[in-house]
Amino acid sequence: SPELATPDSPESGEGDGCCAEDQEDAQGGDQDAMATTLILRNLPSDFDQQSCQAWVDKAYKGHYDFLLWFPAKKTSRLNNCSYAFVNFSTAKHARQFRDDFHLHRFSQDGADGAAKHQWPLSVAVAKVQGFAGNYIRYHHLLAETGSTTLCKPFFCTGAIEGLSKEDVAAAKKHAASLLHGETTTLVVRNLPPSIESQELARTWLDSAGCEGKYNFFLYIPPKKRKADGGAARGGVGHGLAYAFVNFKTPESAKACIDSLDGTHAGVTGESVDAADGSGAVPALSVVVARIQGWQECWDHFRGIKDSGRLEPWVDSARARRSSPCKPGLQ
């Protein structure tokens, strides 16, 4: 089965931070004070689920009810740090953890005698908040008994018992859609560097055989890196763009994965200098998104549209069949 899209690792922005698809940082404001779920970026590369949990337990054992560790993304070219999501029992504990460990340097621990850890820990407020929200989002990972994935979340038994029937049903529905091939929403990562707009991205996807097969499309431009960041270390001054696409049928989504994932479709003599100087353009990565279906895409990204930052394209016929709140069509 196709890889499930995970938050990108470890610095910031798509490909090295946290993808907009999943749990990008919440946008500050008063909600930060009430947040209980944090994203921990730039964890040591030798961490796994157990060692990450053991590290958090040193000072916060019994004060969190959810923890999920992810390895560094294979497409990340600037570092190999892992990352994790933690939901604390109270907002007070989440704020205290952030105060205690944001910009913490693991190299100071020196327990394993490993080489100096390059990146300081980044602790930020995650977009998906609360135990119920994370249980619905990640419950399916527990069911993947035959999977080789290393991502096996910790859910506190007591917190599970406190879930409402609606939350449990939502988690089962989400798991079923992901695990039984009913997926229609994909993330297309590592778009060719020449694709610099939503219009160009849709034209490219249409030419790849997907014309008329999708009803939602959102292009996310590459995030600029700081001048003293990747570019100064020999990498490029920008990342790579990506897009969210919801197909009309699971069959069309699967065909997109089969035809584009791991290829260099659309790359015509371009080059993006990698941090290691190889100059290679990374292959496309087409993965299943955690949000699924037209309505979830619209609900998830309407805040982006309302802020005027980005404008999703939606099929006009599909939009008319939706809620009375009309999306802005392109």
C-alpha atoms as a PDB file:
ATOM      1  CA  SER A   1       0.000   0.000   0.000  1.00  0.00           C
ATOM      2  CA  PRO A   2       1.188   3.574  -0.578  1.00  0.00           C
ATOM      3  CA  GLU A   3       3.117   5.359   2.113  1.00  0.00           C
ATOM      4  CA  LEU A   4       0.973   7.476   4.403  1.00  0.00           C
ATOM      5  CA  ALA A   5       1.986  11.088   4.388  1.00  0.00           C
ATOM      6  CA  THR A   6       3.635  12.198   7.589  1.00  0.00           C
ATOM      7  CA  PRO A   7       4.646  15.593   8.890  1.00  0.00           C
ATOM      8  CA  ASP A   8       7.874  16.579   7.263  1.00  0.00           C
ATOM      9  CA  SER A   9      11.006  16.678   9.293  1.00  0.00           C
ATOM     10  CA  PRO A  10      12.830  18.672  11.077  1.00  0.00           C
ATOM     11  CA  GLU A  11      13.534  22.344  10.282  1.00  0.00           C
ATOM     12  CA  SER A  12      10.505  24.231   8.946  1.00  0.00           C
ATOM     13  CA  GLY A  13       8.426  24.254   5.809  1.00  0.00           C
ATOM     14  CA  GLU A  14       7.620  21.396   3.450  1.00  0.00           C
ATOM     15  CA  GLY A  15      10.379  18.878   3.022  1.00  0.00           C
ATOM     16  CA  ASP A  16      12.191  19.837   6.184  1.00  0.00           C
ATOM     17  CA  GLY A  17       9.644  21.120   8.659  1.00  0.00           C
ATOM     18  CA  CYS A  18       6.002  20.292   9.157  1.00  0.00           C
ATOM     19  CA  CYS A  19       3.867  20.025   6.087  1.00  0.00           C
ATOM     20  CA  ALA A  20       0.657  22.029   5.811  1.00  0.00           C
ATOM     21  CA  GLU A  21      -1.128  18.718   5.228  1.00  0.00           C
ATOM     22  CA  ASP A  22      -0.655  17.593   8.790  1.00  0.00           C
ATOM     23  CA  GLN A  23       0.356  19.486  11.874  1.00  0.00           C
ATOM     24  CA  GLU A  24       2.057  22.668  10.801  1.00  0.00           C
ATOM     25  CA  ASP A  25       2.508  25.153  13.608  1.00  0.00           C
ATOM     26  CA  ALA A  26      -0.668  26.780  14.814  1.00  0.00           C
ATOM     27  CA  GLN A  27      -0.693  30.451  13.914  1.00  0.00           C
ATOM     28  CA  GLY A  28       0.000  31.895  17.369  1.00  0.00           C
ATOM     29  CA  GLY A  29      -2.476  34.129  19.164  1.00  0.00           C
ATOM     30  CA  ASP A  30      -4.536  33.393  22.239  1.00  0.00           C
ATOM     31  CA  GLN A  31      -4.951  29.754  21.237  1.00  0.00           C
ATOM     32  CA  ASP A  32      -1.318  29.066  22.125  1.00  0.00           C
ATOM     33  CA  ALA A  33      -2.130  29.525  25.802  1.00  0.00           C
ATOM     34  CA  MET A  34      -4.727  26.771  25.641  1.00  0.00           C
ATOM     35  CA  ALA A  35      -2.750  24.377  23.430  1.00  0.00           C
ATOM     36  CA  THR A  36      -1.951  20.897  24.737  1.00  0.00           C
ATOM     37  CA  THR A  37      -0.369  19.288  21.644  1.00  0.00           C
ATOM     38  CA  LEU A  38       3.191  20.180  20.663  1.00  0.00           C
ATOM     39  CA  ILE A  39       5.470  19.239  17.791  1.00  0.00           C
ATOM     40  CA  LEU A  40       9.074  18.477  18.745  1.00  0.00           C
ATOM     41  CA  ARG A  41      11.433  18.986  15.811  1.00  0.00           C
ATOM     42  CA  ASN A  42      15.137  18.187  15.527  1.00  0.00           C
ATOM     43  CA  LEU A  43      15.187  15.190  17.822  1.00  0.00           C
ATOM     44  CA  PRO A  44      18.356  13.053  17.597  1.00  0.00           C
ATOM     45  CA  SER A  45      18.505  10.773  14.573  1.00  0.00           C
ATOM     46  CA  ASP A  46      19.042   7.710  16.775  1.00  0.00           C
ATOM     47  CA  PHE A  47      15.761   8.225  18.638  1.00  0.00           C
ATOM     48  CA  ASP A  48      12.833   5.870  18.131  1.00  0.00           C
ATOM     49  CA  GLN A  49       9.364   5.722  19.689  1.00  0.00           C
ATOM     50  CA  GLN A  50      10.618   4.089  22.874  1.00  0.00           C
ATOM     51  CA  SER A  51      13.673   6.288  23.420  1.00  0.00           C
ATOM     52  CA  CYS A  52      11.692   9.448  22.678  1.00  0.00           C
ATOM     53  CA  GLN A  53       9.066   8.453  25.213  1.00  0.00           C
ATOM     54  CA  ALA A  54      11.754   7.580  27.750  1.00  0.00           C
ATOM     55  CA  TRP A  55      13.323  11.025  27.267  1.00  0.00           C
ATOM     56  CA  VAL A  56      10.012  12.825  27.809  1.00  0.00           C
ATOM     57  CA  ASP A  57       9.348  10.598  30.834  1.00  0.00           C
ATOM     58  CA  LYS A  58      12.432  11.960  32.592  1.00  0.00           C
ATOM     59  CA  ALA A  59      10.591  15.115  33.560  1.00  0.00           C
ATOM     60  CA  TYR A  60       6.984  14.668  32.371  1.00  0.00           C
ATOM     61  CA  LYS A  61       6.020  11.078  33.037  1.00  0.00           C
ATOM     62  CA  GLY A  62       2.301  10.836  33.700  1.00  0.00           C
ATOM     63  CA  HIS A  63       1.655  14.320  32.314  1.00  0.00           C
ATOM     64  CA  TYR A  64       0.943  13.370  28.695  1.00  0.00           C
ATOM     65  CA  ASP A  65      -1.526  10.972  27.094  1.00  0.00           C
ATOM     66  CA  PHE A  66      -0.287  10.766  23.507  1.00  0.00           C
ATOM     67  CA  LEU A  67       3.153  10.574  21.917  1.00  0.00           C
ATOM     68  CA  LEU A  68       4.060   9.678  18.355  1.00  0.00           C
ATOM     69  CA  TRP A  69       7.599   9.726  17.000  1.00  0.00           C
ATOM     70  CA  PHE A  70       8.536   9.933  13.322  1.00  0.00           C
ATOM     71  CA  PRO A  71      11.913   9.307  11.685  1.00  0.00           C
ATOM     72  CA  ALA A  72      13.460  11.944   9.453  1.00  0.00           C
ATOM     73  CA  LYS A  73      11.896  12.153   6.019  1.00  0.00           C
ATOM     74  CA  LYS A  74      13.806  10.466   3.247  1.00  0.00           C
ATOM     75  CA  THR A  75      13.415  13.594   1.113  1.00  0.00           C
ATOM     76  CA  SER A  76      15.073  15.855   3.698  1.00  0.00           C
ATOM     77  CA  ARG A  77      18.516  16.823   2.443  1.00  0.00           C
ATOM     78  CA  LEU A  78      19.726  19.212   5.124  1.00  0.00           C
ATOM     79  CA  ASN A  79      19.666  17.062   8.243  1.00  0.00           C
ATOM     80  CA  ASN A  80      18.530  13.692   9.490  1.00  0.00           C
ATOM     81  CA  CYS A  81      16.704  14.686  12.666  1.00  0.00           C
ATOM     82  CA  SER A  82      13.574  12.899  13.815  1.00  0.00           C
ATOM     83  CA  TYR A  83      10.513  14.563  15.302  1.00  0.00           C
ATOM     84  CA  ALA A  84       7.437  13.805  17.423  1.00  0.00           C
ATOM     85  CA  PHE A  85       4.018  14.957  18.548  1.00  0.00           C
ATOM     86  CA  VAL A  86       3.061  15.017  22.237  1.00  0.00           C
ATOM     87  CA  ASN A  87      -0.298  15.838  23.796  1.00  0.00           C
ATOM     88  CA  PHE A  88      -0.065  16.920  27.417  1.00  0.00           C
ATOM     89  CA  SER A  89      -2.778  16.413  29.996  1.00  0.00           C
ATOM     90  CA  THR A  90      -3.103  20.148  30.586  1.00  0.00           C
ATOM     91  CA  ALA A  91      -2.178  23.347  28.770  1.00  0.00           C
ATOM     92  CA  LYS A  92      -0.068  24.291  31.780  1.00  0.00           C
ATOM     93  CA  HIS A  93       2.145  21.233  31.343  1.00  0.00           C
ATOM     94  CA  ALA A  94       2.455  21.932  27.607  1.00  0.00           C
ATOM     95  CA  ARG A  95       3.569  25.530  28.258  1.00  0.00           C
ATOM     96  CA  GLN A  96       6.045  24.373  30.891  1.00  0.00           C
ATOM     97  CA  PHE A  97       7.528  21.751  28.561  1.00  0.00           C
ATOM     98  CA  ARG A  98       7.906  24.354  25.835  1.00  0.00           C
ATOM     99  CA  ASP A  99       9.623  26.736  28.252  1.00  0.00           C
ATOM    100  CA  ASP A 100      11.903  23.957  29.510  1.00  0.00           C
ATOM    101  CA  PHE A 101      13.010  22.449  26.208  1.00  0.00           C
ATOM    102  CA  HIS A 102      12.605  24.858  23.297  1.00  0.00           C
ATOM    103  CA  LEU A 103      16.110  25.346  21.807  1.00  0.00           C
ATOM    104  CA  HIS A 104      17.473  22.589  24.067  1.00  0.00           C
ATOM    105  CA  ARG A 105      20.672  21.067  22.627  1.00  0.00           C
ATOM    106  CA  PHE A 106      20.994  17.306  22.981  1.00  0.00           C
ATOM    107  CA  SER A 107      24.745  17.508  22.452  1.00  0.00           C
ATOM    108  CA  GLN A 108      24.970  18.913  25.971  1.00  0.00           C
ATOM    109  CA  ASP A 109      23.704  15.613  27.353  1.00  0.00           C
ATOM    110  CA  GLY A 110      26.694  13.701  26.002  1.00  0.00           C
ATOM    111  CA  ALA A 111      25.331  10.451  27.370  1.00  0.00           C
ATOM    112  CA  ASP A 112      26.039   8.325  24.310  1.00  0.00           C
ATOM    113  CA  GLY A 113      29.271   9.971  23.235  1.00  0.00           C
ATOM    114  CA  ALA A 114      27.846  10.549  19.768  1.00  0.00           C
ATOM    115  CA  ALA A 115      28.916  13.317  17.452  1.00  0.00           C
ATOM    116  CA  LYS A 116      27.629  16.775  18.267  1.00  0.00           C
ATOM    117  CA  HIS A 117      23.945  17.137  17.467  1.00  0.00           C
ATOM    118  CA  GLN A 118      23.723  19.988  14.979  1.00  0.00           C
ATOM    119  CA  TRP A 119      20.225  21.322  15.500  1.00  0.00           C
ATOM    120  CA  PRO A 120      18.628  22.714  18.677  1.00  0.00           C
ATOM    121  CA  LEU A 121      15.269  21.264  19.605  1.00  0.00           C
ATOM    122  CA  SER A 122      12.299  23.221  18.267  1.00  0.00           C
ATOM    123  CA  VAL A 123       9.096  22.975  20.311  1.00  0.00           C
ATOM    124  CA  ALA A 124       5.998  24.528  18.746  1.00  0.00           C
ATOM    125  CA  VAL A 125       2.223  24.344  19.005  1.00  0.00           C
ATOM    126  CA  ALA A 126       0.808  21.719  16.634  1.00  0.00           C
ATOM    127  CA  LYS A 127      -2.175  22.378  14.426  1.00  0.00           C
ATOM    128  CA  VAL A 128      -4.142  19.283  15.491  1.00  0.00           C
ATOM    129  CA  GLN A 129      -4.975  19.725  19.157  1.00  0.00           C
ATOM    130  CA  GLY A 130      -6.162  17.481  21.962  1.00  0.00           C
ATOM    131  CA  PHE A 131      -6.183  13.772  22.665  1.00  0.00           C
ATOM    132  CA  ALA A 132      -9.345  13.101  20.657  1.00  0.00           C
ATOM    133  CA  GLY A 133      -8.041  14.920  17.577  1.00  0.00           C
ATOM    134  CA  ASN A 134      -4.774  12.997  17.610  1.00  0.00           C
ATOM    135  CA  TYR A 135      -6.518   9.687  18.315  1.00  0.00           C
ATOM    136  CA  ILE A 136      -8.756  10.182  15.293  1.00  0.00           C
ATOM    137  CA  ARG A 137      -5.773  11.181  13.153  1.00  0.00           C
ATOM    138  CA  TYR A 138      -3.317   8.461  14.194  1.00  0.00           C
ATOM    139  CA  HIS A 139      -5.376   5.535  15.503  1.00  0.00           C
ATOM    140  CA  HIS A 140      -4.927   3.729  12.179  1.00  0.00           C
ATOM    141  CA  LEU A 141      -1.202   3.256  12.870  1.00  0.00           C
ATOM    142  CA  LEU A 142      -2.041   0.840  15.687  1.00  0.00           C
ATOM    143  CA  ALA A 143      -4.007  -1.332  13.275  1.00  0.00           C
ATOM    144  CA  GLU A 144      -1.144  -1.774  10.816  1.00  0.00           C
ATOM    145  CA  THR A 145       0.017  -5.053  12.324  1.00  0.00           C
ATOM    146  CA  GLY A 146       1.570  -6.215   9.078  1.00  0.00           C
ATOM    147  CA  SER A 147       3.305  -2.945   8.366  1.00  0.00           C
ATOM    148  CA  THR A 148       7.025  -2.339   8.704  1.00  0.00           C
ATOM    149  CA  THR A 149       6.437   1.223   9.884  1.00  0.00           C
ATOM    150  CA  LEU A 150       8.316   2.326  12.988  1.00  0.00           C
ATOM    151  CA  CYS A 151       5.579   4.779  13.892  1.00  0.00           C
ATOM    152  CA  LYS A 152       3.492   3.177  16.622  1.00  0.00           C
ATOM    153  CA  PRO A 153       1.810   5.844  18.751  1.00  0.00           C
ATOM    154  CA  PHE A 154       1.388   5.755  22.509  1.00  0.00           C
ATOM    155  CA  PHE A 155      -2.189   6.406  23.627  1.00  0.00           C
ATOM    156  CA  CYS A 156      -2.966   6.475  27.357  1.00  0.00           C
ATOM    157  CA  THR A 157      -5.540   3.781  28.135  1.00  0.00           C
ATOM    158  CA  GLY A 158      -7.423   6.041  30.512  1.00  0.00           C
ATOM    159  CA  ALA A 159      -7.706   8.748  27.880  1.00  0.00           C
ATOM    160  CA  ILE A 160      -9.013   6.238  25.334  1.00  0.00           C
ATOM    161  CA  GLU A 161     -11.686   5.141  27.781  1.00  0.00           C
ATOM    162  CA  GLY A 162     -12.749   8.764  28.146  1.00  0.00           C
ATOM    163  CA  LEU A 163     -13.403   9.264  24.425  1.00  0.00           C
ATOM    164  CA  SER A 164     -16.943   9.859  23.256  1.00  0.00           C
ATOM    165  CA  LYS A 165     -18.699   7.358  20.996  1.00  0.00           C
ATOM    166  CA  GLU A 166     -18.538   9.932  18.218  1.00  0.00           C
ATOM    167  CA  ASP A 167     -14.750  10.241  18.535  1.00  0.00           C
ATOM    168  CA  VAL A 168     -14.276   6.465  18.480  1.00  0.00           C
ATOM    169  CA  ALA A 169     -16.514   6.163  15.421  1.00  0.00           C
ATOM    170  CA  ALA A 170     -14.603   8.949  13.662  1.00  0.00           C
ATOM    171  CA  ALA A 171     -11.293   7.194  14.361  1.00  0.00           C
ATOM    172  CA  LYS A 172     -12.594   3.915  12.947  1.00  0.00           C
ATOM    173  CA  LYS A 173     -13.955   5.649   9.867  1.00  0.00           C
ATOM    174  CA  HIS A 174     -10.658   7.419   9.255  1.00  0.00           C
ATOM    175  CA  ALA A 175      -8.685   4.192   9.711  1.00  0.00           C
ATOM    176  CA  ALA A 176     -10.965   2.313   7.334  1.00  0.00           C
ATOM    177  CA  SER A 177     -10.556   4.930   4.618  1.00  0.00           C
ATOM    178  CA  LEU A 178      -6.764   4.785   4.885  1.00  0.00           C
ATOM    179  CA  LEU A 179      -6.282   1.062   5.304  1.00  0.00           C
ATOM    180  CA  HIS A 180      -8.767  -0.273   2.771  1.00  0.00           C
ATOM    181  CA  GLY A 181      -7.867   1.671  -0.315  1.00  0.00           C
ATOM    182  CA  GLU A 182     -10.664   4.254  -0.108  1.00  0.00           C
ATOM    183  CA  THR A 183      -8.233   7.140  -0.394  1.00  0.00           C
ATOM    184  CA  THR A 184      -8.775   9.999  -2.809  1.00  0.00           C
ATOM    185  CA  THR A 185      -6.563  12.771  -1.399  1.00  0.00           C
ATOM    186  CA  LEU A 186      -2.840  12.782  -2.159  1.00  0.00           C
ATOM    187  CA  VAL A 187       0.169  14.978  -1.475  1.00  0.00           C
ATOM    188  CA  VAL A 188       2.495  15.443  -4.444  1.00  0.00           C
ATOM    189  CA  ARG A 189       5.891  16.500  -3.095  1.00  0.00           C
ATOM    190  CA  ASN A 190       9.093  17.689  -4.813  1.00  0.00           C
ATOM    191  CA  LEU A 191       7.393  19.438  -7.723  1.00  0.00           C
ATOM    192  CA  PRO A 192       9.817  20.454 -10.499  1.00  0.00           C
ATOM    193  CA  PRO A 193      11.495  23.825  -9.782  1.00  0.00           C
ATOM    194  CA  SER A 194       9.962  25.381 -12.906  1.00  0.00           C
ATOM    195  CA  ILE A 195       6.472  25.003 -11.408  1.00  0.00           C
ATOM    196  CA  GLU A 196       6.073  28.316  -9.640  1.00  0.00           C
ATOM    197  CA  SER A 197       2.305  28.795  -9.510  1.00  0.00           C
ATOM    198  CA  GLN A 198      -0.933  26.917  -9.046  1.00  0.00           C
ATOM    199  CA  GLU A 199      -1.823  27.382 -12.709  1.00  0.00           C
ATOM    200  CA  LEU A 200       1.470  25.832 -13.835  1.00  0.00           C
ATOM    201  CA  ALA A 201       1.081  23.024 -11.303  1.00  0.00           C
ATOM    202  CA  ARG A 202      -2.390  22.120 -12.569  1.00  0.00           C
ATOM    203  CA  THR A 203      -1.241  22.289 -16.187  1.00  0.00           C
ATOM    204  CA  TRP A 204       1.616  19.940 -15.306  1.00  0.00           C
ATOM    205  CA  LEU A 205      -0.681  17.491 -13.508  1.00  0.00           C
ATOM    206  CA  ASP A 206      -3.202  17.581 -16.360  1.00  0.00           C
ATOM    207  CA  SER A 207      -0.443  16.776 -18.847  1.00  0.00           C
ATOM    208  CA  ALA A 208       0.554  13.818 -16.660  1.00  0.00           C
ATOM    209  CA  GLY A 209      -2.802  12.175 -17.379  1.00  0.00           C
ATOM    210  CA  CYS A 210      -4.905  13.539 -14.516  1.00  0.00           C
ATOM    211  CA  GLU A 211      -6.997  16.104 -16.378  1.00  0.00           C
ATOM    212  CA  GLY A 212     -10.637  15.994 -15.295  1.00  0.00           C
ATOM    213  CA  LYS A 213      -9.944  13.382 -12.621  1.00  0.00           C
ATOM    214  CA  TYR A 214      -9.676  15.622  -9.550  1.00  0.00           C
ATOM    215  CA  ASN A 215     -11.940  18.170  -7.877  1.00  0.00           C
ATOM    216  CA  PHE A 216      -9.637  19.902  -5.386  1.00  0.00           C
ATOM    217  CA  PHE A 217      -6.134  21.251  -5.880  1.00  0.00           C
ATOM    218  CA  LEU A 218      -3.937  23.409  -3.670  1.00  0.00           C
ATOM    219  CA  TYR A 219      -0.404  24.424  -4.633  1.00  0.00           C
ATOM    220  CA  ILE A 220       1.978  25.198  -1.739  1.00  0.00           C
ATOM    221  CA  PRO A 221       4.985  27.250  -2.876  1.00  0.00           C
ATOM    222  CA  PRO A 222       8.475  26.430  -1.630  1.00  0.00           C
ATOM    223  CA  LYS A 223       9.414  28.042   1.634  1.00  0.00           C
ATOM    224  CA  LYS A 224      12.363  30.421   1.456  1.00  0.00           C
ATOM    225  CA  ARG A 225      15.287  29.517   3.630  1.00  0.00           C
ATOM    226  CA  LYS A 226      17.173  32.068   5.654  1.00  0.00           C
ATOM    227  CA  ALA A 227      20.334  33.393   4.088  1.00  0.00           C
ATOM    228  CA  ASP A 228      22.403  31.855   6.883  1.00  0.00           C
ATOM    229  CA  GLY A 229      20.562  28.548   6.639  1.00  0.00           C
ATOM    230  CA  GLY A 230      20.709  25.914   3.931  1.00  0.00           C
ATOM    231  CA  ALA A 231      22.172  28.173   1.267  1.00  0.00           C
ATOM    232  CA  ALA A 232      25.109  29.101   3.478  1.00  0.00           C
ATOM    233  CA  ARG A 233      25.890  25.446   4.055  1.00  0.00           C
ATOM    234  CA  GLY A 234      26.085  24.725   0.339  1.00  0.00           C
ATOM    235  CA  GLY A 235      22.391  24.023  -0.208  1.00  0.00           C
ATOM    236  CA  VAL A 236      19.870  25.970  -2.212  1.00  0.00           C
ATOM    237  CA  GLY A 237      18.116  29.088  -0.986  1.00  0.00           C
ATOM    238  CA  HIS A 238      14.672  27.512  -1.336  1.00  0.00           C
ATOM    239  CA  GLY A 239      12.851  24.222  -0.887  1.00  0.00           C
ATOM    240  CA  LEU A 240      10.514  22.513  -3.325  1.00  0.00           C
ATOM    241  CA  ALA A 241       6.851  23.158  -3.910  1.00  0.00           C
ATOM    242  CA  TYR A 242       4.147  20.556  -3.282  1.00  0.00           C
ATOM    243  CA  ALA A 243       0.412  20.179  -3.752  1.00  0.00           C
ATOM    244  CA  PHE A 244      -2.690  18.576  -2.289  1.00  0.00           C
ATOM    245  CA  VAL A 245      -4.957  16.869  -4.788  1.00  0.00           C
ATOM    246  CA  ASN A 246      -8.310  15.220  -4.167  1.00  0.00           C
ATOM    247  CA  PHE A 247      -9.316  12.817  -6.912  1.00  0.00           C
ATOM    248  CA  LYS A 248     -12.883  11.965  -7.816  1.00  0.00           C
ATOM    249  CA  THR A 249     -12.303   8.227  -7.347  1.00  0.00           C
ATOM    250  CA  PRO A 250      -9.849   6.002  -5.424  1.00  0.00           C
ATOM    251  CA  GLU A 251      -8.901   4.410  -8.750  1.00  0.00           C
ATOM    252  CA  SER A 252      -7.738   7.752 -10.150  1.00  0.00           C
ATOM    253  CA  ALA A 253      -5.727   8.438  -6.990  1.00  0.00           C
ATOM    254  CA  LYS A 254      -4.022   5.052  -7.219  1.00  0.00           C
ATOM    255  CA  ALA A 255      -3.245   5.627 -10.903  1.00  0.00           C
ATOM    256  CA  CYS A 256      -1.585   8.928  -9.999  1.00  0.00           C
ATOM    257  CA  ILE A 257       0.619   7.234  -7.405  1.00  0.00           C
ATOM    258  CA  ASP A 258       1.541   4.447  -9.807  1.00  0.00           C
ATOM    259  CA  SER A 259       2.447   6.807 -12.647  1.00  0.00           C
ATOM    260  CA  LEU A 260       4.225   9.624 -10.793  1.00  0.00           C
ATOM    261  CA  ASP A 261       5.678   8.427  -7.482  1.00  0.00           C
ATOM    262  CA  GLY A 262       9.449   8.055  -7.667  1.00  0.00           C
ATOM    263  CA  THR A 263       9.692   9.569 -11.155  1.00  0.00           C
ATOM    264  CA  HIS A 264      11.107  12.833 -12.502  1.00  0.00           C
ATOM    265  CA  ALA A 265       8.056  13.701 -14.593  1.00  0.00           C
ATOM    266  CA  GLY A 266       8.207  17.313 -15.707  1.00  0.00           C
ATOM    267  CA  VAL A 267      11.914  17.827 -15.012  1.00  0.00           C
ATOM    268  CA  THR A 268      13.488  19.203 -18.180  1.00  0.00           C
ATOM    269  CA  GLY A 269      17.144  19.940 -17.646  1.00  0.00           C
ATOM    270  CA  GLU A 270      16.549  21.763 -14.371  1.00  0.00           C
ATOM    271  CA  SER A 271      18.730  21.284 -11.332  1.00  0.00           C
ATOM    272  CA  VAL A 272      18.373  22.005  -7.658  1.00  0.00           C
ATOM    273  CA  ASP A 273      21.707  21.866  -5.883  1.00  0.00           C
ATOM    274  CA  ALA A 274      21.450  19.484  -2.987  1.00  0.00           C
ATOM    275  CA  ALA A 275      23.257  20.192   0.257  1.00  0.00           C
ATOM    276  CA  ASP A 276      25.772  17.502  -0.584  1.00  0.00           C
ATOM    277  CA  GLY A 277      26.618  19.168  -3.893  1.00  0.00           C
ATOM    278  CA  SER A 278      25.102  16.406  -6.021  1.00  0.00           C
ATOM    279  CA  GLY A 279      22.915  18.864  -7.918  1.00  0.00           C
ATOM    280  CA  ALA A 280      20.234  16.210  -8.337  1.00  0.00           C
ATOM    281  CA  VAL A 281      16.548  17.025  -8.530  1.00  0.00           C
ATOM    282  CA  PRO A 282      14.759  14.715  -6.065  1.00  0.00           C
ATOM    283  CA  ALA A 283      12.162  12.369  -7.479  1.00  0.00           C
ATOM    284  CA  LEU A 284       8.496  13.085  -7.035  1.00  0.00           C
ATOM    285  CA  SER A 285       6.989  11.720  -3.829  1.00  0.00           C
ATOM    286  CA  VAL A 286       3.258  10.993  -4.085  1.00  0.00           C
ATOM    287  CA  VAL A 287       1.742   9.877  -0.801  1.00  0.00           C
ATOM    288  CA  VAL A 288      -1.665   9.468   0.803  1.00  0.00           C
ATOM    289  CA  ALA A 289      -2.784  12.516   2.776  1.00  0.00           C
ATOM    290  CA  ARG A 290      -4.264  12.182   6.235  1.00  0.00           C
ATOM    291  CA  ILE A 291      -7.151  14.455   5.391  1.00  0.00           C
ATOM    292  CA  GLN A 292      -9.399  12.594   2.963  1.00  0.00           C
ATOM    293  CA  GLY A 293     -12.140  13.716   0.617  1.00  0.00           C
ATOM    294  CA  TRP A 294     -13.243  17.001  -0.932  1.00  0.00           C
ATOM    295  CA  GLN A 295     -15.094  18.250   2.131  1.00  0.00           C
ATOM    296  CA  GLU A 296     -12.224  17.568   4.530  1.00  0.00           C
ATOM    297  CA  CYS A 297      -9.825  19.328   2.154  1.00  0.00           C
ATOM    298  CA  TRP A 298     -12.062  22.361   1.977  1.00  0.00           C
ATOM    299  CA  ASP A 299     -12.679  22.446   5.740  1.00  0.00           C
ATOM    300  CA  HIS A 300      -8.960  22.044   6.456  1.00  0.00           C
ATOM    301  CA  PHE A 301      -7.715  24.700   4.053  1.00  0.00           C
ATOM    302  CA  ARG A 302     -10.482  27.284   4.073  1.00  0.00           C
ATOM    303  CA  GLY A 303      -8.557  29.239   6.708  1.00  0.00           C
ATOM    304  CA  ILE A 304      -5.711  29.615   4.235  1.00  0.00           C
ATOM    305  CA  LYS A 305      -8.132  30.952   1.648  1.00  0.00           C
ATOM    306  CA  ASP A 306      -9.859  33.307   4.074  1.00  0.00           C
ATOM    307  CA  SER A 307      -6.498  34.763   5.087  1.00  0.00           C
ATOM    308  CA  GLY A 308      -5.742  35.539   1.451  1.00  0.00           C
ATOM    309  CA  ARG A 309      -2.477  33.592   1.525  1.00  0.00           C
ATOM    310  CA  LEU A 310      -3.384  30.806  -0.913  1.00  0.00           C
ATOM    311  CA  GLU A 311      -6.416  30.005  -3.050  1.00  0.00           C
ATOM    312  CA  PRO A 312      -7.492  26.372  -3.491  1.00  0.00           C
ATOM    313  CA  TRP A 313      -8.918  25.398  -6.864  1.00  0.00           C
ATOM    314  CA  VAL A 314     -12.151  23.415  -6.621  1.00  0.00           C
ATOM    315  CA  ASP A 315     -14.323  21.869  -9.286  1.00  0.00           C
ATOM    316  CA  SER A 316     -17.306  24.183  -9.764  1.00  0.00           C
ATOM    317  CA  ALA A 317     -19.840  21.338 -10.034  1.00  0.00           C
ATOM    318  CA  ARG A 318     -18.552  19.793  -6.803  1.00  0.00           C
ATOM    319  CA  ALA A 319     -18.634  23.134  -5.031  1.00  0.00           C
ATOM    320  CA  ARG A 320     -22.289  23.711  -5.915  1.00  0.00           C
ATOM    321  CA  ARG A 321     -23.216  20.381  -4.331  1.00  0.00           C
ATOM    322  CA  SER A 322     -21.437  21.307  -1.115  1.00  0.00           C
ATOM    323  CA  SER A 323     -22.433  23.562   1.762  1.00  0.00           C
ATOM    324  CA  PRO A 324     -24.108  26.915   1.161  1.00  0.00           C
ATOM    325  CA  CYS A 325     -20.815  28.630   2.007  1.00  0.00           C
ATOM    326  CA  LYS A 326     -19.376  29.083  -1.481  1.00  0.00           C
ATOM    327  CA  PRO A 327     -15.647  28.665  -1.929  1.00  0.00           C
ATOM    328  CA  GLY A 328     -13.753  31.088  -4.117  1.00  0.00           C
ATOM    329  CA  LEU A 329     -13.318  29.390  -7.447  1.00  0.00           C
ATOM    330  CA  GLN A 330     -10.405  29.878  -9.734  1.00  0.00           C
END
